Amino acid sequence: MRTRTWQMHIDLFEQDNSTRAEAVLRTDSGTELRHVGVARRHPGDHDVPEIGDELAACRALSGLVHELLDATIADIQANDPSGGDTTVDLN
């Protein structure tokens, strides 16, 4: 059995009424993907920083998922000797 470890972290930055999250994924082969998500609090809303953190992190992770899928499809296409159409099922 082969075990591999990928590292992922999320940095959160708060300023005024907004939160910015940067999600970074590093694979053991040296690939690095990153995506930023932003959440803004409406001035009339309650000040609950955790909500902004969660939403910004969700947006960053969602974007990272799409970037990882795009990278996977590109890798499949680059290594497909038939040059056929690439369909990836996420389930």
C-alpha atoms as a PDB file:
ATOM      1  CA  MET A   1       0.000   0.000   0.000  1.00  0.00           C
ATOM      2  CA  ARG A   2       1.218   3.469  -0.846  1.00  0.00           C
ATOM      3  CA  THR A   3       0.338   6.399   1.391  1.00  0.00           C
ATOM      4  CA  ARG A   4       0.536  10.006   0.272  1.00  0.00           C
ATOM      5  CA  THR A   5      -0.042  13.206   2.189  1.00  0.00           C
ATOM      6  CA  TRP A   6      -1.397  16.453   0.775  1.00  0.00           C
ATOM      7  CA  GLN A   7      -1.267  19.584   2.884  1.00  0.00           C
ATOM      8  CA  MET A   8      -4.046  22.146   2.874  1.00  0.00           C
ATOM      9  CA  HIS A   9      -4.510  25.300   4.841  1.00  0.00           C
ATOM     10  CA  ILE A  10      -6.810  28.281   4.889  1.00  0.00           C
ATOM     11  CA  ASP A  11      -5.703  31.764   5.917  1.00  0.00           C
ATOM     12  CA  LEU A  12      -8.391  34.249   6.932  1.00  0.00           C
ATOM     13  CA  PHE A  13      -7.990  38.021   6.741  1.00  0.00           C
ATOM     14  CA  GLU A  14     -10.574  40.409   8.194  1.00  0.00           C
ATOM     15  CA  GLN A  15     -10.811  44.092   7.384  1.00  0.00           C
ATOM     16  CA  ASP A  16     -13.727  46.436   7.963  1.00  0.00           C
ATOM     17  CA  ASN A  17     -16.869  44.527   6.922  1.00  0.00           C
ATOM     18  CA  SER A  18     -15.197  41.851   4.806  1.00  0.00           C
ATOM     19  CA  THR A  19     -13.360  38.585   5.241  1.00  0.00           C
ATOM     20  CA  ARG A  20     -10.940  37.137   2.694  1.00  0.00           C
ATOM     21  CA  ALA A  21      -9.986  33.461   2.805  1.00  0.00           C
ATOM     22  CA  GLU A  22      -7.114  31.948   0.868  1.00  0.00           C
ATOM     23  CA  ALA A  23      -7.187  28.155   0.522  1.00  0.00           C
ATOM     24  CA  VAL A  24      -3.927  26.487  -0.505  1.00  0.00           C
ATOM     25  CA  LEU A  25      -3.454  22.827  -1.457  1.00  0.00           C
ATOM     26  CA  ARG A  26       0.062  21.384  -1.779  1.00  0.00           C
ATOM     27  CA  THR A  27       0.574  17.849  -3.036  1.00  0.00           C
ATOM     28  CA  ASP A  28       3.530  15.669  -2.193  1.00  0.00           C
ATOM     29  CA  SER A  29       4.593  15.884  -5.850  1.00  0.00           C
ATOM     30  CA  GLY A  30       4.987  19.661  -5.615  1.00  0.00           C
ATOM     31  CA  THR A  31       1.746  20.839  -7.177  1.00  0.00           C
ATOM     32  CA  GLU A  32       0.241  23.900  -5.503  1.00  0.00           C
ATOM     33  CA  LEU A  33      -3.271  25.178  -6.104  1.00  0.00           C
ATOM     34  CA  ARG A  34      -4.780  28.215  -4.400  1.00  0.00           C
ATOM     35  CA  HIS A  35      -8.049  30.075  -4.508  1.00  0.00           C
ATOM     36  CA  VAL A  36      -9.447  33.139  -2.727  1.00  0.00           C
ATOM     37  CA  GLY A  37     -12.972  33.589  -1.420  1.00  0.00           C
ATOM     38  CA  VAL A  38     -14.476  36.790  -0.037  1.00  0.00           C
ATOM     39  CA  ALA A  39     -17.468  37.492   2.208  1.00  0.00           C
ATOM     40  CA  ARG A  40     -18.841  40.931   2.990  1.00  0.00           C
ATOM     41  CA  ARG A  41     -21.086  41.815   5.901  1.00  0.00           C
ATOM     42  CA  HIS A  42     -23.948  44.178   5.237  1.00  0.00           C
ATOM     43  CA  PRO A  43     -23.620  47.145   7.643  1.00  0.00           C
ATOM     44  CA  GLY A  44     -27.085  46.395   9.065  1.00  0.00           C
ATOM     45  CA  ASP A  45     -26.262  42.760   9.926  1.00  0.00           C
ATOM     46  CA  HIS A  46     -25.083  41.572  13.334  1.00  0.00           C
ATOM     47  CA  ASP A  47     -21.304  41.444  13.721  1.00  0.00           C
ATOM     48  CA  VAL A  48     -20.644  37.679  13.844  1.00  0.00           C
ATOM     49  CA  PRO A  49     -17.130  37.183  12.445  1.00  0.00           C
ATOM     50  CA  GLU A  50     -17.470  33.396  12.330  1.00  0.00           C
ATOM     51  CA  ILE A  51     -20.158  33.695   9.639  1.00  0.00           C
ATOM     52  CA  GLY A  52     -17.844  35.715   7.396  1.00  0.00           C
ATOM     53  CA  ASP A  53     -15.029  33.240   8.051  1.00  0.00           C
ATOM     54  CA  GLU A  54     -17.241  30.307   7.113  1.00  0.00           C
ATOM     55  CA  LEU A  55     -18.629  31.905   3.966  1.00  0.00           C
ATOM     56  CA  ALA A  56     -15.255  33.151   2.719  1.00  0.00           C
ATOM     57  CA  ALA A  57     -13.712  29.723   3.420  1.00  0.00           C
ATOM     58  CA  CYS A  58     -16.583  27.968   1.583  1.00  0.00           C
ATOM     59  CA  ARG A  59     -16.065  30.181  -1.442  1.00  0.00           C
ATOM     60  CA  ALA A  60     -12.301  29.610  -1.406  1.00  0.00           C
ATOM     61  CA  LEU A  61     -12.713  25.829  -1.067  1.00  0.00           C
ATOM     62  CA  SER A  62     -15.364  25.715  -3.784  1.00  0.00           C
ATOM     63  CA  GLY A  63     -13.052  27.525  -6.179  1.00  0.00           C
ATOM     64  CA  LEU A  64     -10.199  25.223  -5.196  1.00  0.00           C
ATOM     65  CA  VAL A  65     -12.344  22.177  -5.967  1.00  0.00           C
ATOM     66  CA  HIS A  66     -13.020  23.513  -9.469  1.00  0.00           C
ATOM     67  CA  GLU A  67      -9.325  24.267 -10.026  1.00  0.00           C
ATOM     68  CA  LEU A  68      -8.389  20.743  -8.895  1.00  0.00           C
ATOM     69  CA  LEU A  69     -10.986  19.233 -11.223  1.00  0.00           C
ATOM     70  CA  ASP A  70      -9.700  21.336 -14.138  1.00  0.00           C
ATOM     71  CA  ALA A  71      -6.132  20.215 -13.372  1.00  0.00           C
ATOM     72  CA  THR A  72      -7.275  16.581 -13.230  1.00  0.00           C
ATOM     73  CA  ILE A  73      -9.038  16.826 -16.592  1.00  0.00           C
ATOM     74  CA  ALA A  74      -5.976  18.467 -18.149  1.00  0.00           C
ATOM     75  CA  ASP A  75      -3.753  15.676 -16.764  1.00  0.00           C
ATOM     76  CA  ILE A  76      -6.099  12.985 -18.086  1.00  0.00           C
ATOM     77  CA  GLN A  77      -6.170  14.591 -21.525  1.00  0.00           C
ATOM     78  CA  ALA A  78      -2.382  14.963 -21.577  1.00  0.00           C
ATOM     79  CA  ASN A  79      -1.977  11.261 -20.751  1.00  0.00           C
ATOM     80  CA  ASP A  80      -4.761   9.838 -22.943  1.00  0.00           C
ATOM     81  CA  PRO A  81      -3.146   8.150 -25.941  1.00  0.00           C
ATOM     82  CA  SER A  82      -6.490   7.965 -27.757  1.00  0.00           C
ATOM     83  CA  GLY A  83      -7.031  11.734 -27.510  1.00  0.00           C
ATOM     84  CA  GLY A  84     -10.691  11.038 -26.747  1.00  0.00           C
ATOM     85  CA  ASP A  85     -13.283  13.159 -25.005  1.00  0.00           C
ATOM     86  CA  THR A  86     -12.767  13.416 -21.239  1.00  0.00           C
ATOM     87  CA  THR A  87     -15.726  13.090 -18.916  1.00  0.00           C
ATOM     88  CA  VAL A  88     -15.103  12.969 -15.168  1.00  0.00           C
ATOM     89  CA  ASP A  89     -17.764  11.675 -12.778  1.00  0.00           C
ATOM     90  CA  LEU A  90     -17.409  13.160  -9.280  1.00  0.00           C
ATOM     91  CA  ASN A  91     -19.541  10.473  -7.654  1.00  0.00           C
END
